Amino acid sequence: MSDPLRAMPSKGADTFSTGCLVRSPDFKSFLWKGSLYCAHSNYPHTPEQSEIKLLDLESMQLSTFKSFGNYGGSLTWAVRHNDDWWCNFARYGDNNSGTFLAKFDAVWQEQGRWTYPPAVIHKLGKFSLSGGIWHDGNLLVTGHDDQILFRLRLPMSGTVLDLVDTEAVPFTGQGFATAPQTGGLVGINRAKKEVVFAIQK
């Protein structure tokens, strides 16, 4: 396990900048080119329906940017990285090992699909992965409410992501982002309704 990240006081919402994952009451959202792209699903209802909503920050009008329909899981986060969209489709309960990461090109053709290694799934209990970003060439993901961050990378071959290491974090899963002002991460504590900034010890 890597050195844990430590908490630091909040410096305000202006830390969220273009390209960050942020958390709203009903969506996990990605701020890109001045618009908010919000991962959304109808979980726990079935059949599953997933979509990315687009929030216009000037008019505050919400529209559907991309509808996936029933794609085999509940969309929990979506981010833009290297001109591609990376989307996590969660499964829960005894089927959470089927949670997968999908890569889409600019016209939403699926370019690849990967599942998570057993060492990650084991830590999730009956839950799934709720937050994720690309950072320094690695995929960072968090579960539902544990203070653990998983660092993964794409495999050289096969369709199971490689686990690089795990790291203790002071926030409790769900949405998180890089914090440009500190060089660390920023996340949330839903129970305490806090925004938590974290820097490397």
Foldseek 3Di string as FASTA:
>chain_A
DDFAWDWDDDPDPVLDDQQWFDDDPAFTWHHHPQKIWTWHWPPPDPPIWIFIWIARPVVRDIDTPGTPGNPPAGWQDWGADPQKIKTWGADFAPPRQVIKIWIAHPVGDTDAIATEDPVVVVVQHGWYWREWDDDPQWIWTATDFAQKIWTWHPDPDDRYIHTPDMHGYPETGHYKTQGVVARFIWDHHVVVRDIITIDGD
